[in-house]
Amino acid sequence: MVLTEKEKEEIKQKVIEALKETYDPEIPVNVYDLGLIYKIEVDDKGNVEIDMTLTAPGCPIAGMVVAMVEANVQEKLGSEHEVKVNLVWDPPWTPKRVTPEGRKLLKELFGYDIVGEWIKQYGG
């Protein structure tokens, strides 16, 4: 059975929900709003492939974060969907990838707009 575009979009929204419930253990903001998710692809059978990155290539918990993302998405979708998460480093992550919601959360946490400060310092 081939899924319609509407069905694929519904699956993608469930994936995004799961990603918004998955937190980077070192930064109390979810992986979606941190801008760590580069691609969410749903194929005609409802299987999902996600490309994600981390804030730094030397992250000591990289494997754990990828496993958490895969497990949470799999749990949200159920066993009838295959979920594959790829860790990618290109393009490198920058704070400019943080969503407006993530920026708001970071501002609440730190008391100032750290993304805005980064852009001022390093360019936008």
Protein backbone atom coordinates (compact mmCIF):
# COMPACT_ATOMS: atom_id res chain seq x y z
CA MET A 1 0.00 0.00 0.00
CA VAL A 2 1.33 3.41 -0.98
CA LEU A 3 0.66 6.27 1.42
CA THR A 4 -0.92 9.51 0.27
CA GLU A 5 0.88 12.81 0.79
CA LYS A 6 -1.62 13.60 3.57
CA GLU A 7 -0.80 10.34 5.36
CA LYS A 8 2.93 11.03 5.02
CA GLU A 9 2.43 14.51 6.47
CA GLU A 10 0.50 13.05 9.43
CA ILE A 11 3.39 10.68 10.13
CA LYS A 12 5.87 13.56 9.82
CA GLN A 13 3.88 15.57 12.39
CA LYS A 14 4.02 12.62 14.81
CA VAL A 15 7.77 12.47 14.27
CA ILE A 16 8.05 16.18 15.07
CA GLU A 17 5.98 15.64 18.24
CA ALA A 18 8.39 12.89 19.32
CA LEU A 19 11.40 15.10 18.53
CA LYS A 20 9.93 17.91 20.61
CA GLU A 21 9.75 15.44 23.52
CA THR A 22 13.41 14.44 23.12
CA TYR A 23 15.90 16.61 24.96
CA ASP A 24 19.61 17.07 24.60
CA PRO A 25 20.84 15.96 28.04
CA GLU A 26 23.30 18.86 28.21
CA ILE A 27 20.92 21.62 27.05
CA PRO A 28 17.35 21.65 28.41
CA VAL A 29 15.80 22.33 25.00
CA ASN A 30 14.40 19.64 22.70
CA VAL A 31 16.39 18.46 19.68
CA TYR A 32 13.86 19.87 17.21
CA ASP A 33 13.84 23.40 18.60
CA LEU A 34 17.62 23.36 18.99
CA GLY A 35 17.75 22.98 15.21
CA LEU A 36 19.50 19.61 15.33
CA ILE A 37 17.11 18.01 12.84
CA TYR A 38 18.11 18.57 9.22
CA LYS A 39 15.73 16.24 7.40
CA ILE A 40 12.63 14.14 8.09
CA GLU A 41 11.69 11.89 5.20
CA VAL A 42 8.67 9.57 5.11
CA ASP A 43 8.64 7.00 2.31
CA ASP A 44 5.62 5.50 0.53
CA LYS A 45 5.41 2.69 3.11
CA GLY A 46 5.50 5.03 6.11
CA ASN A 47 9.10 4.36 7.06
CA VAL A 48 11.03 7.33 8.40
CA GLU A 49 14.57 8.53 7.87
CA ILE A 50 15.92 11.43 9.90
CA ASP A 51 19.15 13.34 9.39
CA MET A 52 20.32 15.07 12.53
CA THR A 53 23.42 16.69 13.90
CA LEU A 54 24.71 17.77 17.28
CA THR A 55 25.97 21.11 18.54
CA ALA A 56 29.58 19.89 18.47
CA PRO A 57 31.33 17.04 16.61
CA GLY A 58 33.24 16.01 19.74
CA CYS A 59 30.07 15.48 21.77
CA PRO A 60 30.78 12.59 24.16
CA ILE A 61 27.11 11.54 24.26
CA ALA A 62 26.50 11.56 20.49
CA GLY A 63 25.50 7.89 20.34
CA MET A 64 23.15 8.30 23.27
CA VAL A 65 21.34 11.28 21.73
CA VAL A 66 20.88 9.48 18.39
CA ALA A 67 19.58 6.38 20.19
CA MET A 68 17.16 8.50 22.24
CA VAL A 69 15.81 10.16 19.09
CA GLU A 70 15.36 6.83 17.34
CA ALA A 71 13.67 5.20 20.36
CA ASN A 72 11.28 8.10 20.99
CA VAL A 73 10.23 8.35 17.34
CA GLN A 74 9.81 4.57 17.13
CA GLU A 75 7.67 4.58 20.27
CA LYS A 76 5.49 7.41 18.92
CA LEU A 77 4.95 5.71 15.53
CA GLY A 78 4.73 2.08 16.60
CA SER A 79 6.41 -1.03 15.28
CA GLU A 80 4.70 -0.92 11.88
CA HIS A 81 7.12 1.87 10.85
CA GLU A 82 10.86 1.54 10.42
CA VAL A 83 12.86 4.45 11.83
CA LYS A 84 16.43 5.25 10.84
CA VAL A 85 18.41 8.17 12.28
CA ASN A 86 21.59 9.35 10.55
CA LEU A 87 24.12 11.51 12.36
CA VAL A 88 25.48 14.09 9.91
CA TRP A 89 28.00 16.90 10.32
CA ASP A 90 27.47 18.80 7.09
CA PRO A 91 26.45 21.53 7.23
CA PRO A 92 27.86 22.24 10.69
CA TRP A 93 25.30 23.29 13.29
CA THR A 94 25.20 26.94 14.34
CA PRO A 95 22.88 28.75 16.76
CA LYS A 96 21.12 30.27 13.71
CA ARG A 97 19.39 26.87 13.29
CA VAL A 98 17.53 27.25 16.62
CA THR A 99 13.79 27.70 16.02
CA PRO A 100 11.95 30.77 17.37
CA GLU A 101 10.46 28.54 20.09
CA GLY A 102 13.91 27.23 21.00
CA ARG A 103 15.25 30.75 21.11
CA LYS A 104 12.46 31.74 23.49
CA LEU A 105 13.22 28.75 25.74
CA LEU A 106 16.93 29.56 25.80
CA LYS A 107 16.15 33.19 26.65
CA GLU A 108 13.96 32.04 29.56
CA LEU A 109 16.74 29.75 30.78
CA PHE A 110 19.66 32.15 30.50
CA GLY A 111 17.95 35.52 30.86
CA TYR A 112 19.08 36.88 27.50
CA ASP A 113 18.94 36.00 23.81
CA ILE A 114 22.06 33.88 23.43
CA VAL A 115 21.33 33.28 19.74
CA GLY A 116 21.08 37.01 19.11
CA GLU A 117 24.34 37.56 20.97
CA TRP A 118 26.04 34.84 18.94
CA ILE A 119 24.84 36.45 15.70
CA LYS A 120 26.11 39.86 16.85
CA GLN A 121 29.49 38.40 17.67
CA TYR A 122 30.00 36.03 14.77
CA GLY A 123 27.70 37.36 12.07
CA GLY A 124 24.44 36.24 10.70
